[in-house]
Protein backbone atom coordinates (compact mmCIF):
# COMPACT_ATOMS: atom_id res chain seq x y z
CA UNK A 1 86.92 108.05 125.56
CA UNK A 2 87.55 111.75 125.00
CA UNK A 3 91.27 111.28 125.52
CA UNK A 4 91.24 108.37 123.06
CA UNK A 5 89.56 110.45 120.36
CA UNK A 6 92.02 113.29 120.84
CA UNK A 7 94.97 110.90 120.58
CA UNK A 8 93.60 109.37 117.39
CA UNK A 9 92.93 112.78 115.88
CA UNK A 10 96.49 113.83 116.69
CA UNK A 11 97.87 110.67 115.01
CA UNK A 12 95.72 111.23 111.91
CA UNK A 13 96.87 114.87 111.62
CA UNK A 14 100.46 113.76 111.99
CA UNK A 15 100.05 111.18 109.26
CA UNK A 16 98.64 113.81 106.93
CA UNK A 17 101.33 116.38 107.57
CA UNK A 18 103.32 117.30 104.51
CA UNK A 19 106.68 115.68 104.21
CA UNK A 20 110.00 117.45 103.64
CA UNK A 21 113.05 115.52 102.51
CA UNK A 22 116.38 116.65 103.91
CA UNK A 23 118.65 115.65 101.03
CA UNK A 24 121.95 115.03 102.76
CA UNK A 25 123.97 112.07 103.96
CA UNK A 26 125.92 114.20 106.39
CA UNK A 27 124.61 113.30 109.88
CA UNK A 28 125.70 116.66 111.30
CA UNK A 29 123.76 118.62 108.67
CA UNK A 30 120.71 116.39 109.07
CA UNK A 31 120.58 116.94 112.81
CA UNK A 32 120.99 120.71 112.43
CA UNK A 33 118.22 120.99 109.85
CA UNK A 34 115.88 118.89 111.99
CA UNK A 35 116.51 121.24 114.92
CA UNK A 36 116.23 124.44 112.92
CA UNK A 37 112.98 123.40 111.22
CA UNK A 38 111.36 121.74 114.24
CA UNK A 39 108.80 124.55 114.56
CA UNK A 40 107.28 123.81 111.12
CA UNK A 41 104.23 121.55 110.81
CA UNK A 42 106.14 119.10 108.61
CA UNK A 43 107.19 115.50 108.81
CA UNK A 44 110.91 115.61 108.12
CA UNK A 45 112.41 112.52 106.43
CA UNK A 46 115.94 111.68 105.45
CA UNK A 47 117.38 109.84 102.45
CA UNK A 48 117.94 106.85 104.69
CA UNK A 49 114.31 106.92 105.91
CA UNK A 50 113.01 106.41 102.36
CA UNK A 51 115.77 104.07 101.20
CA UNK A 52 117.58 106.40 98.78
CA UNK A 53 121.31 105.75 98.46
CA UNK A 54 122.09 107.43 95.16
CA UNK A 55 124.68 110.18 95.16
CA UNK A 56 124.70 113.41 93.16
CA UNK A 57 127.91 114.52 91.51
CA UNK A 58 128.74 117.90 93.04
CA UNK A 59 130.68 119.39 90.16
CA UNK A 60 129.23 122.89 90.24
CA UNK A 61 131.45 125.93 90.40
CA UNK A 62 129.41 127.59 93.20
CA UNK A 63 127.66 126.54 96.36
CA UNK A 64 124.35 127.44 94.78
CA UNK A 65 124.89 125.26 91.75
CA UNK A 66 125.64 122.21 93.89
CA UNK A 67 122.87 122.97 96.37
CA UNK A 68 120.20 123.34 93.68
CA UNK A 69 121.46 120.33 91.76
CA UNK A 70 121.05 118.08 94.79
CA UNK A 71 117.68 119.49 95.83
CA UNK A 72 116.24 119.19 92.33
CA UNK A 73 117.52 115.65 91.79
CA UNK A 74 116.02 114.28 94.99
CA UNK A 75 112.77 116.25 94.70
CA UNK A 76 112.10 114.80 91.25
CA UNK A 77 113.20 111.32 92.27
CA UNK A 78 111.05 111.11 95.36
CA UNK A 79 108.16 113.39 94.38
CA UNK A 80 108.73 115.27 97.66
CA UNK A 81 109.84 118.84 98.37
CA UNK A 82 113.54 118.55 99.07
CA UNK A 83 115.92 120.72 101.05
CA UNK A 84 119.64 120.58 100.44
CA UNK A 85 122.67 122.72 101.04
CA UNK A 86 126.22 123.13 99.91
CA UNK A 87 128.87 125.12 101.63
CA UNK A 88 132.45 125.34 102.71
CA UNK A 89 135.08 127.34 104.49
CA UNK A 90 136.99 130.12 102.80
CA UNK A 91 140.38 130.88 104.32
CA UNK A 92 141.59 134.38 103.50
CA UNK A 93 145.35 133.68 103.46
CA UNK A 94 144.75 130.77 101.02
CA UNK A 95 142.93 132.93 98.48
CA UNK A 96 139.56 131.88 99.96
CA UNK A 97 140.28 128.19 99.41
CA UNK A 98 139.17 125.46 99.82
CA UNK A 99 135.67 127.02 99.32
CA UNK A 100 133.40 124.92 97.15
CA UNK A 101 136.02 122.15 97.24
CA UNK A 102 136.11 121.90 101.06
CA UNK A 103 135.04 118.27 101.21
CA UNK A 104 137.40 117.40 98.37
CA UNK A 105 140.27 119.63 99.50
CA UNK A 106 142.72 116.71 99.31
CA UNK A 107 141.77 115.91 95.74
CA UNK A 108 139.19 113.35 96.71
CA UNK A 109 136.23 113.08 99.13
CA UNK A 110 138.21 112.85 102.30
CA UNK A 111 137.11 111.60 105.70
CA UNK A 112 136.61 113.95 108.63
CA UNK A 113 139.86 112.59 110.15
CA UNK A 114 141.84 113.17 106.93
CA UNK A 115 140.62 116.75 106.70
CA UNK A 116 141.48 117.34 110.37
CA UNK A 117 144.98 116.04 109.81
CA UNK A 118 145.52 118.35 106.81
CA UNK A 119 144.03 121.33 108.54
CA UNK A 120 146.27 120.79 111.56
CA UNK A 121 149.26 121.38 109.29
CA UNK A 122 147.67 124.35 107.53
CA UNK A 123 146.68 126.00 110.80
CA UNK A 124 150.25 126.02 112.01
CA UNK A 125 151.50 127.67 108.80
CA UNK A 126 148.94 130.49 108.54
CA UNK A 127 150.35 133.97 109.29
CA UNK A 128 149.31 135.46 112.61
CA UNK A 129 148.33 138.65 110.78
CA UNK A 130 145.78 136.86 108.58
CA UNK A 131 143.95 133.89 110.05
CA UNK A 132 140.53 135.10 108.90
CA UNK A 133 138.06 132.51 107.63
CA UNK A 134 134.41 132.47 106.61
CA UNK A 135 131.91 129.63 106.68
CA UNK A 136 129.38 129.93 103.86
CA UNK A 137 126.39 127.82 102.91
CA UNK A 138 123.58 127.99 100.37
CA UNK A 139 120.36 126.20 101.26
CA UNK A 140 118.03 125.28 98.43
CA UNK A 141 114.39 124.19 98.44
CA UNK A 142 113.21 122.31 95.32
CA UNK A 143 109.76 121.03 94.35
CA UNK A 144 109.10 118.00 92.13
CA UNK A 145 107.82 120.39 89.42
CA UNK A 146 111.31 121.84 89.02
CA UNK A 147 110.89 125.09 90.95
CA UNK A 148 113.85 125.90 93.18
CA UNK A 149 114.85 128.70 95.61
CA UNK A 150 118.15 129.38 97.41
CA UNK A 151 119.27 131.38 100.43
CA UNK A 152 122.75 132.00 101.81
CA UNK A 153 124.13 132.18 105.31
CA UNK A 154 127.66 132.87 106.58
CA UNK A 155 129.70 133.46 109.70
CA UNK A 156 133.14 134.99 110.06
CA UNK A 157 135.90 133.85 112.43
CA UNK A 158 139.53 132.80 112.48
CA UNK A 159 141.47 129.56 112.16
CA UNK A 160 142.87 128.73 115.58
CA UNK A 161 146.37 127.33 115.87
CA UNK A 162 145.11 124.36 117.84
CA UNK A 163 141.82 122.45 117.38
CA UNK A 164 139.13 121.84 119.88
CA UNK A 165 139.67 118.29 121.06
CA UNK A 166 136.27 116.79 120.31
CA UNK A 167 135.53 115.95 116.64
CA UNK A 168 131.94 116.60 115.56
CA UNK A 169 131.05 114.01 112.91
CA UNK A 170 130.38 115.80 109.60
CA UNK A 171 131.95 119.11 110.72
CA UNK A 172 135.74 118.70 110.77
CA UNK A 173 136.51 122.36 110.00
CA UNK A 174 134.63 123.55 113.07
CA UNK A 175 137.34 122.10 115.31
CA UNK A 176 139.59 124.95 114.24
CA UNK A 177 137.02 127.71 113.72
CA UNK A 178 137.11 130.28 116.48
CA UNK A 179 134.71 133.23 116.83
CA UNK A 180 136.59 136.12 118.47
CA UNK A 181 133.45 138.16 119.28
CA UNK A 182 132.31 135.56 121.81
CA UNK A 183 135.66 133.88 122.43
CA UNK A 184 134.34 130.45 121.59
CA UNK A 185 134.88 127.67 119.08
CA UNK A 186 132.09 126.99 116.59
CA UNK A 187 130.59 123.97 118.33
CA UNK A 188 127.15 123.16 119.68
CA UNK A 189 128.43 122.43 123.17
CA UNK A 190 130.17 125.84 123.22
CA UNK A 191 127.35 128.04 121.88
CA UNK A 192 124.18 129.06 123.69
CA UNK A 193 120.88 129.03 121.80
CA UNK A 194 121.12 132.77 121.26
CA UNK A 195 124.66 132.43 119.96
CA UNK A 196 123.51 129.68 117.60
CA UNK A 197 120.98 132.12 116.14
CA UNK A 198 123.66 134.76 115.75
CA UNK A 199 126.54 132.71 114.46
CA UNK A 200 125.37 129.46 112.90
CA UNK A 201 125.56 129.99 109.14
CA UNK A 202 123.16 127.13 108.40
CA UNK A 203 120.62 128.50 110.86
CA UNK A 204 120.72 131.88 109.13
CA UNK A 205 120.09 130.35 105.70
CA UNK A 206 117.38 128.06 107.07
CA UNK A 207 115.49 131.00 108.59
CA UNK A 208 115.46 132.76 105.23
CA UNK A 209 114.29 129.68 103.31
CA UNK A 210 111.48 129.16 105.88
CA UNK A 211 109.63 132.14 104.48
CA UNK A 212 109.56 130.51 101.08
CA UNK A 213 108.57 127.16 102.53
CA UNK A 214 105.64 128.73 104.39
CA UNK A 215 104.31 130.18 101.16
CA UNK A 216 105.10 127.40 98.67
CA UNK A 217 104.22 124.43 100.91
CA UNK A 218 101.17 126.11 102.41
CA UNK A 219 102.34 125.87 105.98
CA UNK A 220 103.06 128.27 108.81
CA UNK A 221 105.72 127.88 111.46
CA UNK A 222 105.91 129.53 114.83
C-alpha cells in the first residue's frame, strides 16, 4: 500500500510539472536540448507532441532575431514557455559566411545531404593557412506574455579537408568541424561528457538560459 501511494504521488507530481516547449523541428537540436535540460523539473514537449506543424519565416539578420521570433511565435500560439535557438557556422576565409544563412546556404532550405555535398567542395578549396571556423548559436526563452531572453554560445575549430564518415541528422556541418585542442571532430560519439560541456556551443547557451528559466518559471535545477 505504501509503495502504491508513493507511485501515485510521483505520477501526480509529474502531471503537474510545468511544461516547456522546445520549438524546433530539427531532431538533432531537440535531442540535445532534452539532454542539456534533463536536470530541470520540467516536462519537455516538442512541436510534434502537441500537433504544431506551422513554420516561422526565419528572415532576421541575426541569430538573435530569428531565435526570438520563433520562441515568441510558439509561446503565444501554445500558451507555453518556449525555447528556441538559431545559429550557424562562420567560416573565416569566406568572410564569416554562411553564418545566419547556414541552412539556406545554397539559396534555399537544403537537405543535410545537399549541404554536405557543397561543403565537401568548399573544404577542398579553403587555404591551409586559414581554415578557421566558429559555430555560434543564440538560445531564446519566450513566455506567452511576450517576455523574451536570449543567451549565446560558441565554439571555435577548423574545417577539415575530409569529413567524418557518419552523418548526424540535423548537423551536417559537424562532419567537417574539427577541434584542434582535443584532436576530435565535433560529434557526440567523439566527445566525452566533459568535452561536451567545454565545446558544445548549444550546451554553453543552454546553461546560461537555465538561470533565467529557474527564476522566471519558478523552478530549480540541480
